[in-house]
Structures are given as structure tokens and as C-alpha cells.
Amino acid sequence: MKTIKIGLLGAGDVADLHAEAINSLEGAKLVGLWNRTPEKGALKAAKYGCKTYKTEEELFQDPQLDAVFILTNMETHCEYTVRAAQAGKHILVEKPAASNIAELEKMQQAVEKAGVKCMPVHNYIYEDGIQRTKRMIQEGRLGAITQFYMMYNIHHADDIRARYPGVIRQILTHHSYTMLYLAGLPKTISCLKHTVDASLAPQENVAMATIQMQNGSLSHLSASFANDDHAGDPWTCIIKVMGTKGSTRYSYRDWVINARHGAHSQTYECYPESIKNTTTHFVDKVLRHNEAPLSTLQDAISCQKIIEACEKSVKEGVHVKFN
């Protein structure tokens, strides 16, 4: 079995999860990483058991590498995806995949021209519970879908929230693709946002979108960095699909370890597992067996349209038609 050799661009919190997934996967090897701060990169490389690159270009031009994982800030994703494609590397790019639709289209053109694979990280859909829900929908066992809900209430420390985009881009991107995957395309979108204590960070840390789908059903997407939910049956991260013949639920709260994990106050085991599942699918299915990813750049474009519609709705106080 050919070993798939991988390089990481970026060594932040999410890189820990991808590195752990690669190192636990038979037939995959983490060769090295580049990080904007060399000292942090060296520490992470020692932790992961790999080498460091002095520059991004050195990583792109390494003939050993089959694939590059782009785990840097959103504003760099387009440039790095284009450069990786031009270097002939397959690409896994973290979400949000880019800052706008024009960047995503540029990435798509570069990937198609180079003939390489590119998979955006929409990790929720690689979870077993979401896959089971998808099968139940496709087989008609839930009947006609009437409602989709995805709620997220996980407090993020002030320093983490300050460096993230607001929850619309950081979290509703996940919600939007999960909705697309399970419930289909939207028709109209309405969104509101709120910033709790703008002196800490000006970005919104609460947002809610109400959406009518093209088939007439309704979706509700909600996200908050401002608070955990400590009530009974908490809405920490929960996905519900309701249909005329049945319903399903997926919840982070079903598997919890009482220890901090990255930005989260507890370890919600679904989250690292979903990253591992995403990496495994990319390496074993997409690269090794030439299967299609479950999430594509075209899907990322649809997600970006939803996010920009949410932002337009907030700014103008209107329902926005999805095009």
C-alpha cells in the first residue's frame, strides 16, 4: 500500500487534530509543516514527529509530498490553494474555505487546471450519525422532510473569540453545509446577530438564521460563542431532522470528557472524531481510491452564498433570496 505523504500549512489548534488523525492512520505519513511563527512550528513538529519547512514554497515544492493540508487563517486559503495546485499537490482546506465567492471560483479553476483533488473541511457530515441520517432521508424512511435544526452554544475564551471571525462565518458555515447535505438548497434566508460585550471583540458572538428551503420546509441555524448551555438536555451542538415519518438527533453531549480541548471547556468527543473521519475519508477514499469527496468546492460556493445572504440580511434587515 502506497504511503500518502502529507504536509501541513499552519500549526494552530486544528492542526493538532489533523496531525493526530494522520499519525493514527495506516498508510499515511505526516512529513512536515510550515508555520508563520517558526518557534511554534518547531514545538509542534517535535510533538508530531515531523520536520519543519522554512517557507511555504519549500513545502509546496517538496517532491515527497502527495498532499497539503491548508490550516491557516481564512484570508490565506485562496492563495495557498492555488499555489498548492500549481505545485501538483492534492489539497484539504479548512473552513471557511475562502473569504468570498470570487476566491472560491479562482481556487476551483486552479484545481481543475492542475488535475488535483481539493476537499473543503465540512467535518460534521463525515460523522456516523450524520451519515445514518443521510441514508434514512435518501431511502425515504423519514418521509418528507419538514424541519431542519442545527444549534451550537459553546463558550469561547475572549482571546480565542477575538482572533476568530464572527460566528456567522466561523460556525454558520458548518451549519450551512450540514443543512445543504441533509435538507437541500435554501430559497430565502433571514438572519440576525448580536455581540455580547463588544469591548472584548467587535465580531458577533451570537447569530440566528431562519430559512425556507426550496421544497418549502423550514430550517433554523443558531450559533453562540458567548455561553455554554448548562440546562437540562443542553443545546451544546445539536442537529435535528424532522420528517413526516420520523426524526433524527445528533448531539455533542452524548460523548463528553471533563477536560478542556482547544477552544472548548470540555472534550466533546464528536469534534476530534469528526476531524479524524474527514482526514481518513480524504486519504483513504479520495486519494487512495479516487472516490468523490462528500464536500466539494462547488458546495463551498453554495455555503458562501448562504453566509453572504446572512450578512446581507443582517445589514439590510431583509429576507434574502438565494440565487
C-alpha atoms as a PDB file:
ATOM      1  CA  MET A   1       0.000   0.000   0.000  1.00  0.00           C
ATOM      2  CA  LYS A   2       1.464   3.342  -1.069  1.00  0.00           C
ATOM      3  CA  THR A   3       2.027   5.696   1.830  1.00  0.00           C
ATOM      4  CA  ILE A   4       0.280   9.044   1.318  1.00  0.00           C
ATOM      5  CA  LYS A   5       2.722  11.745   2.422  1.00  0.00           C
ATOM      6  CA  ILE A   6       1.272  14.971   3.781  1.00  0.00           C
ATOM      7  CA  GLY A   7       2.472  18.456   4.733  1.00  0.00           C
ATOM      8  CA  LEU A   8       0.631  20.932   6.965  1.00  0.00           C
ATOM      9  CA  LEU A   9       0.420  24.669   6.353  1.00  0.00           C
ATOM     10  CA  GLY A  10      -0.318  26.104   9.786  1.00  0.00           C
ATOM     11  CA  ALA A  11       0.174  24.672  13.266  1.00  0.00           C
ATOM     12  CA  GLY A  12      -2.740  26.084  15.282  1.00  0.00           C
ATOM     13  CA  ASP A  13      -5.300  24.226  17.382  1.00  0.00           C
ATOM     14  CA  VAL A  14      -6.955  22.449  14.453  1.00  0.00           C
ATOM     15  CA  ALA A  15      -3.545  21.232  13.224  1.00  0.00           C
ATOM     16  CA  ASP A  16      -3.290  19.168  16.409  1.00  0.00           C
ATOM     17  CA  LEU A  17      -6.406  17.249  15.380  1.00  0.00           C
ATOM     18  CA  HIS A  18      -5.321  16.716  11.786  1.00  0.00           C
ATOM     19  CA  ALA A  19      -1.824  15.640  12.845  1.00  0.00           C
ATOM     20  CA  GLU A  20      -3.243  13.180  15.349  1.00  0.00           C
ATOM     21  CA  ALA A  21      -5.535  11.779  12.655  1.00  0.00           C
ATOM     22  CA  ILE A  22      -2.714  11.412  10.111  1.00  0.00           C
ATOM     23  CA  ASN A  23      -0.384   9.765  12.625  1.00  0.00           C
ATOM     24  CA  SER A  24      -3.066   7.239  13.601  1.00  0.00           C
ATOM     25  CA  LEU A  25      -3.932   6.342  10.007  1.00  0.00           C
ATOM     26  CA  GLU A  26      -2.274   3.349   8.382  1.00  0.00           C
ATOM     27  CA  GLY A  27      -0.766   4.275   5.028  1.00  0.00           C
ATOM     28  CA  ALA A  28      -0.431   7.992   5.817  1.00  0.00           C
ATOM     29  CA  LYS A  29       2.624   9.929   6.971  1.00  0.00           C
ATOM     30  CA  LEU A  30       2.978  13.493   8.227  1.00  0.00           C
ATOM     31  CA  VAL A  31       6.252  14.576   6.613  1.00  0.00           C
ATOM     32  CA  GLY A  32       6.465  18.154   7.817  1.00  0.00           C
ATOM     33  CA  LEU A  33       4.830  21.500   8.490  1.00  0.00           C
ATOM     34  CA  TRP A  34       5.275  25.229   7.992  1.00  0.00           C
ATOM     35  CA  ASN A  35       4.028  27.795  10.471  1.00  0.00           C
ATOM     36  CA  ARG A  36       4.069  31.590  10.330  1.00  0.00           C
ATOM     37  CA  THR A  37       5.772  31.638  13.744  1.00  0.00           C
ATOM     38  CA  PRO A  38       8.848  29.364  13.408  1.00  0.00           C
ATOM     39  CA  GLU A  39       9.231  28.807  17.151  1.00  0.00           C
ATOM     40  CA  LYS A  40       5.675  27.495  17.478  1.00  0.00           C
ATOM     41  CA  GLY A  41       6.163  25.415  14.337  1.00  0.00           C
ATOM     42  CA  ALA A  42       9.264  23.776  15.797  1.00  0.00           C
ATOM     43  CA  LEU A  43       7.423  22.879  19.001  1.00  0.00           C
ATOM     44  CA  LYS A  44       4.514  21.363  17.085  1.00  0.00           C
ATOM     45  CA  ALA A  45       6.841  19.476  14.718  1.00  0.00           C
ATOM     46  CA  ALA A  46       8.593  17.916  17.703  1.00  0.00           C
ATOM     47  CA  LYS A  47       5.197  16.944  19.112  1.00  0.00           C
ATOM     48  CA  TYR A  48       4.030  15.405  15.830  1.00  0.00           C
ATOM     49  CA  GLY A  49       7.345  13.755  14.947  1.00  0.00           C
ATOM     50  CA  CYS A  50       7.874  15.587  11.653  1.00  0.00           C
ATOM     51  CA  LYS A  51      10.183  18.195  10.158  1.00  0.00           C
ATOM     52  CA  THR A  52       9.638  21.917   9.599  1.00  0.00           C
ATOM     53  CA  TYR A  53       9.864  23.929   6.387  1.00  0.00           C
ATOM     54  CA  LYS A  54      11.472  27.378   6.354  1.00  0.00           C
ATOM     55  CA  THR A  55       8.970  28.780   3.840  1.00  0.00           C
ATOM     56  CA  GLU A  56       5.601  27.898   2.338  1.00  0.00           C
ATOM     57  CA  GLU A  57       7.276  27.500  -1.065  1.00  0.00           C
ATOM     58  CA  GLU A  58       9.724  24.947   0.324  1.00  0.00           C
ATOM     59  CA  LEU A  59       6.737  22.888   1.452  1.00  0.00           C
ATOM     60  CA  PHE A  60       4.912  23.251  -1.876  1.00  0.00           C
ATOM     61  CA  GLN A  61       7.987  22.178  -3.833  1.00  0.00           C
ATOM     62  CA  ASP A  62       8.862  19.156  -1.683  1.00  0.00           C
ATOM     63  CA  PRO A  63       8.724  16.228  -4.145  1.00  0.00           C
ATOM     64  CA  GLN A  64       7.945  13.833  -1.291  1.00  0.00           C
ATOM     65  CA  LEU A  65       4.541  15.338  -0.617  1.00  0.00           C
ATOM     66  CA  ASP A  66       1.360  13.992  -2.167  1.00  0.00           C
ATOM     67  CA  ALA A  67      -0.974  16.378  -0.372  1.00  0.00           C
ATOM     68  CA  VAL A  68      -1.083  19.646   1.543  1.00  0.00           C
ATOM     69  CA  PHE A  69      -3.484  20.453   4.393  1.00  0.00           C
ATOM     70  CA  ILE A  70      -4.186  24.217   4.445  1.00  0.00           C
ATOM     71  CA  LEU A  71      -4.897  25.058   8.092  1.00  0.00           C
ATOM     72  CA  THR A  72      -4.040  28.767   8.117  1.00  0.00           C
ATOM     73  CA  ASN A  73      -6.369  31.757   8.507  1.00  0.00           C
ATOM     74  CA  MET A  74      -9.235  32.118   6.046  1.00  0.00           C
ATOM     75  CA  GLU A  75      -7.700  35.101   4.217  1.00  0.00           C
ATOM     76  CA  THR A  76      -4.769  32.954   3.001  1.00  0.00           C
ATOM     77  CA  HIS A  77      -6.734  29.926   1.783  1.00  0.00           C
ATOM     78  CA  CYS A  78      -7.190  31.063  -1.809  1.00  0.00           C
ATOM     79  CA  GLU A  79      -3.532  31.918  -2.367  1.00  0.00           C
ATOM     80  CA  TYR A  80      -2.260  28.727  -0.766  1.00  0.00           C
ATOM     81  CA  THR A  81      -4.776  26.513  -2.587  1.00  0.00           C
ATOM     82  CA  VAL A  82      -3.754  27.984  -5.946  1.00  0.00           C
ATOM     83  CA  ARG A  83      -0.052  27.578  -5.140  1.00  0.00           C
ATOM     84  CA  ALA A  84      -0.523  24.012  -3.919  1.00  0.00           C
ATOM     85  CA  ALA A  85      -2.485  23.111  -7.058  1.00  0.00           C
ATOM     86  CA  GLN A  86       0.188  24.644  -9.288  1.00  0.00           C
ATOM     87  CA  ALA A  87       2.750  22.502  -7.456  1.00  0.00           C
ATOM     88  CA  GLY A  88       0.694  19.397  -8.241  1.00  0.00           C
ATOM     89  CA  LYS A  89      -0.376  18.684  -4.657  1.00  0.00           C
ATOM     90  CA  HIS A  90      -3.778  17.401  -3.594  1.00  0.00           C
ATOM     91  CA  ILE A  91      -5.438  19.734  -1.107  1.00  0.00           C
ATOM     92  CA  LEU A  92      -7.529  19.567   2.029  1.00  0.00           C
ATOM     93  CA  VAL A  93      -8.545  23.100   3.025  1.00  0.00           C
ATOM     94  CA  GLU A  94     -10.067  24.074   6.351  1.00  0.00           C
ATOM     95  CA  LYS A  95     -13.275  26.041   6.583  1.00  0.00           C
ATOM     96  CA  PRO A  96     -14.239  28.714   5.784  1.00  0.00           C
ATOM     97  CA  ALA A  97     -12.641  27.652   2.514  1.00  0.00           C
ATOM     98  CA  ALA A  98     -12.205  31.272   1.338  1.00  0.00           C
ATOM     99  CA  SER A  99     -13.268  34.850   2.011  1.00  0.00           C
ATOM    100  CA  ASN A 100     -15.690  35.222  -0.907  1.00  0.00           C
ATOM    101  CA  ILE A 101     -17.175  33.530  -3.958  1.00  0.00           C
ATOM    102  CA  ALA A 102     -14.626  35.019  -6.372  1.00  0.00           C
ATOM    103  CA  GLU A 103     -11.803  33.390  -4.378  1.00  0.00           C
ATOM    104  CA  LEU A 104     -13.587  30.044  -4.354  1.00  0.00           C
ATOM    105  CA  GLU A 105     -14.083  30.196  -8.113  1.00  0.00           C
ATOM    106  CA  LYS A 106     -10.384  31.021  -8.559  1.00  0.00           C
ATOM    107  CA  MET A 107      -9.478  28.021  -6.386  1.00  0.00           C
ATOM    108  CA  GLN A 108     -11.800  25.784  -8.380  1.00  0.00           C
ATOM    109  CA  GLN A 109     -10.248  26.878 -11.670  1.00  0.00           C
ATOM    110  CA  ALA A 110      -6.714  26.258 -10.377  1.00  0.00           C
ATOM    111  CA  VAL A 111      -7.622  22.801  -9.064  1.00  0.00           C
ATOM    112  CA  GLU A 112      -9.340  21.783 -12.308  1.00  0.00           C
ATOM    113  CA  LYS A 113      -6.447  23.073 -14.408  1.00  0.00           C
ATOM    114  CA  ALA A 114      -3.896  21.164 -12.322  1.00  0.00           C
ATOM    115  CA  GLY A 115      -5.974  17.977 -12.212  1.00  0.00           C
ATOM    116  CA  VAL A 116      -5.637  17.616  -8.430  1.00  0.00           C
ATOM    117  CA  LYS A 117      -8.171  16.818  -5.719  1.00  0.00           C
ATOM    118  CA  CYS A 118      -9.398  19.532  -3.355  1.00  0.00           C
ATOM    119  CA  MET A 119     -11.693  18.844  -0.410  1.00  0.00           C
ATOM    120  CA  PRO A 120     -13.008  21.546   1.948  1.00  0.00           C
ATOM    121  CA  VAL A 121     -13.333  20.513   5.599  1.00  0.00           C
ATOM    122  CA  HIS A 122     -17.045  20.200   6.391  1.00  0.00           C
ATOM    123  CA  ASN A 123     -16.344  17.696   9.135  1.00  0.00           C
ATOM    124  CA  TYR A 124     -19.845  17.190  10.560  1.00  0.00           C
ATOM    125  CA  ILE A 125     -21.013  15.244   7.528  1.00  0.00           C
ATOM    126  CA  TYR A 126     -18.291  12.619   7.978  1.00  0.00           C
ATOM    127  CA  GLU A 127     -19.756  11.576  11.344  1.00  0.00           C
ATOM    128  CA  ASP A 128     -21.513   8.196  11.548  1.00  0.00           C
ATOM    129  CA  GLY A 129     -24.730   9.703  12.933  1.00  0.00           C
ATOM    130  CA  ILE A 130     -24.984  12.208  10.088  1.00  0.00           C
ATOM    131  CA  GLN A 131     -24.246   9.501   7.534  1.00  0.00           C
ATOM    132  CA  ARG A 132     -27.024   7.370   9.030  1.00  0.00           C
ATOM    133  CA  THR A 133     -29.403  10.323   8.823  1.00  0.00           C
ATOM    134  CA  LYS A 134     -28.449  10.876   5.176  1.00  0.00           C
ATOM    135  CA  ARG A 135     -29.223   7.243   4.339  1.00  0.00           C
ATOM    136  CA  MET A 136     -32.573   7.419   6.121  1.00  0.00           C
ATOM    137  CA  ILE A 137     -33.508  10.524   4.120  1.00  0.00           C
ATOM    138  CA  GLN A 138     -32.392   9.005   0.812  1.00  0.00           C
ATOM    139  CA  GLU A 139     -34.300   5.797   1.494  1.00  0.00           C
ATOM    140  CA  GLY A 140     -37.459   7.729   2.370  1.00  0.00           C
ATOM    141  CA  ARG A 141     -37.633   6.369   5.901  1.00  0.00           C
ATOM    142  CA  LEU A 142     -38.143   9.846   7.389  1.00  0.00           C
ATOM    143  CA  GLY A 143     -40.821  10.709   4.845  1.00  0.00           C
ATOM    144  CA  ALA A 144     -40.947  14.285   3.553  1.00  0.00           C
ATOM    145  CA  ILE A 145     -38.512  16.486   5.487  1.00  0.00           C
ATOM    146  CA  THR A 146     -40.371  19.301   7.240  1.00  0.00           C
ATOM    147  CA  GLN A 147     -37.791  20.841   9.588  1.00  0.00           C
ATOM    148  CA  PHE A 148     -34.003  21.055   9.994  1.00  0.00           C
ATOM    149  CA  TYR A 149     -32.364  22.477  13.137  1.00  0.00           C
ATOM    150  CA  MET A 150     -28.702  22.998  13.984  1.00  0.00           C
ATOM    151  CA  MET A 151     -27.821  24.747  17.241  1.00  0.00           C
ATOM    152  CA  TYR A 152     -24.382  25.472  18.718  1.00  0.00           C
ATOM    153  CA  ASN A 153     -23.736  27.061  22.135  1.00  0.00           C
ATOM    154  CA  ILE A 154     -20.096  26.695  23.212  1.00  0.00           C
ATOM    155  CA  HIS A 155     -18.361  29.451  25.152  1.00  0.00           C
ATOM    156  CA  HIS A 156     -15.036  30.538  23.648  1.00  0.00           C
ATOM    157  CA  ALA A 157     -12.427  32.376  25.701  1.00  0.00           C
ATOM    158  CA  ASP A 158     -12.038  36.073  24.899  1.00  0.00           C
ATOM    159  CA  ASP A 159      -8.620  35.721  23.260  1.00  0.00           C
ATOM    160  CA  ILE A 160      -9.860  32.924  21.011  1.00  0.00           C
ATOM    161  CA  ARG A 161     -13.037  34.767  20.040  1.00  0.00           C
ATOM    162  CA  ALA A 162     -11.025  37.905  19.277  1.00  0.00           C
ATOM    163  CA  ARG A 163      -8.959  36.171  16.615  1.00  0.00           C
ATOM    164  CA  TYR A 164     -11.834  34.260  15.028  1.00  0.00           C
ATOM    165  CA  PRO A 165     -14.293  35.680  12.513  1.00  0.00           C
ATOM    166  CA  GLY A 166     -17.747  36.181  13.995  1.00  0.00           C
ATOM    167  CA  VAL A 167     -19.970  33.151  14.446  1.00  0.00           C
ATOM    168  CA  ILE A 168     -21.679  33.706  11.094  1.00  0.00           C
ATOM    169  CA  ARG A 169     -18.519  32.835   9.184  1.00  0.00           C
ATOM    170  CA  GLN A 170     -16.856  30.644  11.793  1.00  0.00           C
ATOM    171  CA  ILE A 171     -19.816  28.462  12.771  1.00  0.00           C
ATOM    172  CA  LEU A 172     -22.783  29.041  10.436  1.00  0.00           C
ATOM    173  CA  THR A 173     -20.510  27.836   7.622  1.00  0.00           C
ATOM    174  CA  HIS A 174     -20.647  24.390   9.277  1.00  0.00           C
ATOM    175  CA  HIS A 175     -24.388  24.723   9.795  1.00  0.00           C
ATOM    176  CA  SER A 176     -24.959  25.768   6.190  1.00  0.00           C
ATOM    177  CA  TYR A 177     -23.176  22.811   4.653  1.00  0.00           C
ATOM    178  CA  THR A 178     -24.755  20.321   7.026  1.00  0.00           C
ATOM    179  CA  MET A 179     -28.123  21.788   6.046  1.00  0.00           C
ATOM    180  CA  LEU A 180     -27.254  21.539   2.349  1.00  0.00           C
ATOM    181  CA  TYR A 181     -26.174  17.925   2.787  1.00  0.00           C
ATOM    182  CA  LEU A 182     -29.273  16.806   4.669  1.00  0.00           C
ATOM    183  CA  ALA A 183     -32.067  19.215   3.726  1.00  0.00           C
ATOM    184  CA  GLY A 184     -31.148  20.648   0.322  1.00  0.00           C
ATOM    185  CA  LEU A 185     -30.883  24.175  -1.040  1.00  0.00           C
ATOM    186  CA  PRO A 186     -32.481  27.246   0.557  1.00  0.00           C
ATOM    187  CA  LYS A 187     -34.983  29.587  -1.062  1.00  0.00           C
ATOM    188  CA  THR A 188     -34.994  32.611   1.280  1.00  0.00           C
ATOM    189  CA  ILE A 189     -32.738  33.490   4.212  1.00  0.00           C
ATOM    190  CA  SER A 190     -33.269  35.793   7.186  1.00  0.00           C
ATOM    191  CA  CYS A 191     -30.592  36.370   9.823  1.00  0.00           C
ATOM    192  CA  LEU A 192     -29.963  38.390  12.994  1.00  0.00           C
ATOM    193  CA  LYS A 193     -26.772  38.795  15.029  1.00  0.00           C
ATOM    194  CA  HIS A 194     -25.738  40.093  18.450  1.00  0.00           C
ATOM    195  CA  THR A 195     -22.408  40.987  20.056  1.00  0.00           C
ATOM    196  CA  VAL A 196     -22.190  40.368  23.800  1.00  0.00           C
ATOM    197  CA  ASP A 197     -19.594  42.803  25.226  1.00  0.00           C
ATOM    198  CA  ALA A 198     -18.126  44.439  22.132  1.00  0.00           C
ATOM    199  CA  SER A 199     -15.222  45.761  24.222  1.00  0.00           C
ATOM    200  CA  LEU A 200     -13.714  42.253  24.133  1.00  0.00           C
ATOM    201  CA  ALA A 201     -14.149  41.753  20.381  1.00  0.00           C
ATOM    202  CA  PRO A 202     -16.345  43.560  17.856  1.00  0.00           C
ATOM    203  CA  GLN A 203     -17.343  40.401  15.986  1.00  0.00           C
ATOM    204  CA  GLU A 204     -20.803  38.982  16.613  1.00  0.00           C
ATOM    205  CA  ASN A 205     -20.835  36.087  19.055  1.00  0.00           C
ATOM    206  CA  VAL A 206     -24.496  35.147  18.675  1.00  0.00           C
ATOM    207  CA  ALA A 207     -26.338  34.662  15.367  1.00  0.00           C
ATOM    208  CA  MET A 208     -29.539  33.001  14.209  1.00  0.00           C
ATOM    209  CA  ALA A 209     -30.833  32.326  10.705  1.00  0.00           C
ATOM    210  CA  THR A 210     -34.341  31.252   9.719  1.00  0.00           C
ATOM    211  CA  ILE A 211     -34.537  29.736   6.256  1.00  0.00           C
ATOM    212  CA  GLN A 212     -37.231  28.495   3.918  1.00  0.00           C
ATOM    213  CA  MET A 213     -35.952  25.676   1.755  1.00  0.00           C
ATOM    214  CA  GLN A 214     -36.704  25.242  -1.935  1.00  0.00           C
ATOM    215  CA  ASN A 215     -39.083  22.375  -1.142  1.00  0.00           C
ATOM    216  CA  GLY A 216     -40.979  24.620   1.296  1.00  0.00           C
ATOM    217  CA  SER A 217     -39.626  23.116   4.525  1.00  0.00           C
ATOM    218  CA  LEU A 218     -38.025  25.292   7.204  1.00  0.00           C
ATOM    219  CA  SER A 219     -34.549  25.390   8.769  1.00  0.00           C
ATOM    220  CA  HIS A 220     -33.214  27.153  11.836  1.00  0.00           C
ATOM    221  CA  LEU A 221     -29.471  27.717  12.334  1.00  0.00           C
ATOM    222  CA  SER A 222     -28.174  29.162  15.602  1.00  0.00           C
ATOM    223  CA  ALA A 223     -24.645  29.725  16.935  1.00  0.00           C
ATOM    224  CA  SER A 224     -23.084  31.300  20.020  1.00  0.00           C
ATOM    225  CA  PHE A 225     -19.564  31.766  21.371  1.00  0.00           C
ATOM    226  CA  ALA A 226     -20.981  33.783  24.280  1.00  0.00           C
ATOM    227  CA  ASN A 227     -22.118  30.962  26.533  1.00  0.00           C
ATOM    228  CA  ASP A 228     -22.317  27.262  27.240  1.00  0.00           C
ATOM    229  CA  ASP A 229     -25.756  25.729  27.721  1.00  0.00           C
ATOM    230  CA  HIS A 230     -25.930  24.173  31.198  1.00  0.00           C
ATOM    231  CA  ALA A 231     -29.675  23.475  31.188  1.00  0.00           C
ATOM    232  CA  GLY A 232     -31.166  20.009  31.034  1.00  0.00           C
ATOM    233  CA  ASP A 233     -30.756  18.393  27.591  1.00  0.00           C
ATOM    234  CA  PRO A 234     -28.376  21.211  26.581  1.00  0.00           C
ATOM    235  CA  TRP A 235     -28.126  22.616  23.079  1.00  0.00           C
ATOM    236  CA  THR A 236     -24.316  22.443  23.059  1.00  0.00           C
ATOM    237  CA  CYS A 237     -24.210  21.250  19.488  1.00  0.00           C
ATOM    238  CA  ILE A 238     -27.323  19.543  18.263  1.00  0.00           C
ATOM    239  CA  ILE A 239     -28.699  18.630  14.845  1.00  0.00           C
ATOM    240  CA  LYS A 240     -32.314  17.573  14.341  1.00  0.00           C
ATOM    241  CA  VAL A 241     -34.049  16.462  11.164  1.00  0.00           C
ATOM    242  CA  MET A 242     -37.823  16.006  11.298  1.00  0.00           C
ATOM    243  CA  GLY A 243     -39.952  14.383   8.648  1.00  0.00           C
ATOM    244  CA  THR A 244     -43.498  13.157   8.179  1.00  0.00           C
ATOM    245  CA  LYS A 245     -42.486   9.579   9.042  1.00  0.00           C
ATOM    246  CA  GLY A 246     -39.695  10.039  11.583  1.00  0.00           C
ATOM    247  CA  SER A 247     -36.907  12.168  13.011  1.00  0.00           C
ATOM    248  CA  THR A 248     -33.241  12.003  13.995  1.00  0.00           C
ATOM    249  CA  ARG A 249     -30.971  13.722  16.508  1.00  0.00           C
ATOM    250  CA  TYR A 250     -27.191  14.145  16.727  1.00  0.00           C
ATOM    251  CA  SER A 251     -25.663  15.734  19.829  1.00  0.00           C
ATOM    252  CA  TYR A 252     -22.174  16.558  21.092  1.00  0.00           C
ATOM    253  CA  ARG A 253     -23.473  15.923  24.617  1.00  0.00           C
ATOM    254  CA  ASP A 254     -23.712  12.179  24.072  1.00  0.00           C
ATOM    255  CA  TRP A 255     -19.914  11.774  24.414  1.00  0.00           C
ATOM    256  CA  VAL A 256     -18.196  14.178  26.859  1.00  0.00           C
ATOM    257  CA  ILE A 257     -14.875  14.090  28.727  1.00  0.00           C
ATOM    258  CA  ASN A 258     -14.399  16.538  31.612  1.00  0.00           C
ATOM    259  CA  ALA A 259     -11.212  18.128  30.302  1.00  0.00           C
ATOM    260  CA  ARG A 260     -10.535  21.182  28.146  1.00  0.00           C
ATOM    261  CA  HIS A 261      -9.950  20.550  24.450  1.00  0.00           C
ATOM    262  CA  GLY A 262      -8.715  23.508  22.384  1.00  0.00           C
ATOM    263  CA  ALA A 263     -11.302  26.269  22.476  1.00  0.00           C
ATOM    264  CA  HIS A 264     -13.839  24.097  24.315  1.00  0.00           C
ATOM    265  CA  SER A 265     -14.226  23.893  28.094  1.00  0.00           C
ATOM    266  CA  GLN A 266     -14.840  20.152  27.819  1.00  0.00           C
ATOM    267  CA  THR A 267     -13.835  17.495  25.320  1.00  0.00           C
ATOM    268  CA  TYR A 268     -16.815  16.855  23.084  1.00  0.00           C
ATOM    269  CA  GLU A 269     -15.506  13.648  21.579  1.00  0.00           C
ATOM    270  CA  CYS A 270     -17.570  14.040  18.406  1.00  0.00           C
ATOM    271  CA  TYR A 271     -15.426  17.007  17.369  1.00  0.00           C
ATOM    272  CA  PRO A 272     -11.968  15.387  17.230  1.00  0.00           C
ATOM    273  CA  GLU A 273     -13.569  12.224  15.875  1.00  0.00           C
ATOM    274  CA  SER A 274     -15.179  14.190  13.046  1.00  0.00           C
ATOM    275  CA  ILE A 275     -11.796  15.665  12.071  1.00  0.00           C
ATOM    276  CA  LYS A 276     -10.276  12.196  12.121  1.00  0.00           C
ATOM    277  CA  ASN A 277     -13.133  10.895   9.950  1.00  0.00           C
ATOM    278  CA  THR A 278     -12.613  13.767   7.489  1.00  0.00           C
ATOM    279  CA  THR A 279      -8.875  13.123   7.203  1.00  0.00           C
ATOM    280  CA  THR A 280      -9.472   9.386   6.836  1.00  0.00           C
ATOM    281  CA  HIS A 281     -12.013   9.910   4.053  1.00  0.00           C
ATOM    282  CA  PHE A 282      -9.668  12.273   2.200  1.00  0.00           C
ATOM    283  CA  VAL A 283      -6.681   9.929   2.402  1.00  0.00           C
ATOM    284  CA  ASP A 284      -8.346   6.520   2.029  1.00  0.00           C
ATOM    285  CA  LYS A 285     -11.319   7.302  -0.204  1.00  0.00           C
ATOM    286  CA  VAL A 286     -10.419  10.394  -2.234  1.00  0.00           C
ATOM    287  CA  LEU A 287      -6.669   9.983  -2.722  1.00  0.00           C
ATOM    288  CA  ARG A 288      -6.183   6.226  -2.488  1.00  0.00           C
ATOM    289  CA  HIS A 289      -9.352   5.018  -4.245  1.00  0.00           C
ATOM    290  CA  ASN A 290     -10.253   8.069  -6.346  1.00  0.00           C
ATOM    291  CA  GLU A 291     -13.711   8.412  -4.801  1.00  0.00           C
ATOM    292  CA  ALA A 292     -15.527  11.731  -4.725  1.00  0.00           C
ATOM    293  CA  PRO A 293     -15.371  13.754  -1.512  1.00  0.00           C
ATOM    294  CA  LEU A 294     -18.627  14.331   0.333  1.00  0.00           C
ATOM    295  CA  SER A 295     -17.820  18.065   0.328  1.00  0.00           C
ATOM    296  CA  THR A 296     -16.596  19.893  -2.783  1.00  0.00           C
ATOM    297  CA  LEU A 297     -15.543  23.409  -3.738  1.00  0.00           C
ATOM    298  CA  GLN A 298     -18.884  23.787  -5.502  1.00  0.00           C
ATOM    299  CA  ASP A 299     -20.561  23.021  -2.179  1.00  0.00           C
ATOM    300  CA  ALA A 300     -18.285  25.602  -0.556  1.00  0.00           C
ATOM    301  CA  ILE A 301     -19.564  28.150  -3.091  1.00  0.00           C
ATOM    302  CA  SER A 302     -23.163  27.331  -2.106  1.00  0.00           C
ATOM    303  CA  CYS A 303     -22.191  27.697   1.560  1.00  0.00           C
ATOM    304  CA  GLN A 304     -20.557  31.051   0.879  1.00  0.00           C
ATOM    305  CA  LYS A 305     -23.707  32.253  -0.867  1.00  0.00           C
ATOM    306  CA  ILE A 306     -25.689  31.349   2.257  1.00  0.00           C
ATOM    307  CA  ILE A 307     -23.187  33.127   4.535  1.00  0.00           C
ATOM    308  CA  GLU A 308     -23.198  36.258   2.368  1.00  0.00           C
ATOM    309  CA  ALA A 309     -27.008  36.159   2.303  1.00  0.00           C
ATOM    310  CA  CYS A 310     -26.980  36.016   6.126  1.00  0.00           C
ATOM    311  CA  GLU A 311     -24.664  39.033   6.229  1.00  0.00           C
ATOM    312  CA  LYS A 312     -26.848  40.941   3.768  1.00  0.00           C
ATOM    313  CA  SER A 313     -29.960  40.098   5.783  1.00  0.00           C
ATOM    314  CA  VAL A 314     -28.324  41.377   8.973  1.00  0.00           C
ATOM    315  CA  LYS A 315     -27.095  44.576   7.328  1.00  0.00           C
ATOM    316  CA  GLU A 316     -30.279  45.481   5.471  1.00  0.00           C
ATOM    317  CA  GLY A 317     -32.920  43.882   7.706  1.00  0.00           C
ATOM    318  CA  VAL A 318     -34.456  41.917   4.832  1.00  0.00           C
ATOM    319  CA  HIS A 319     -35.241  38.401   3.705  1.00  0.00           C
ATOM    320  CA  VAL A 320     -32.660  37.488   1.057  1.00  0.00           C
ATOM    321  CA  LYS A 321     -33.461  35.317  -1.929  1.00  0.00           C
ATOM    322  CA  PHE A 322     -30.897  32.541  -2.521  1.00  0.00           C
ATOM    323  CA  ASN A 323     -29.514  32.534  -6.049  1.00  0.00           C
END
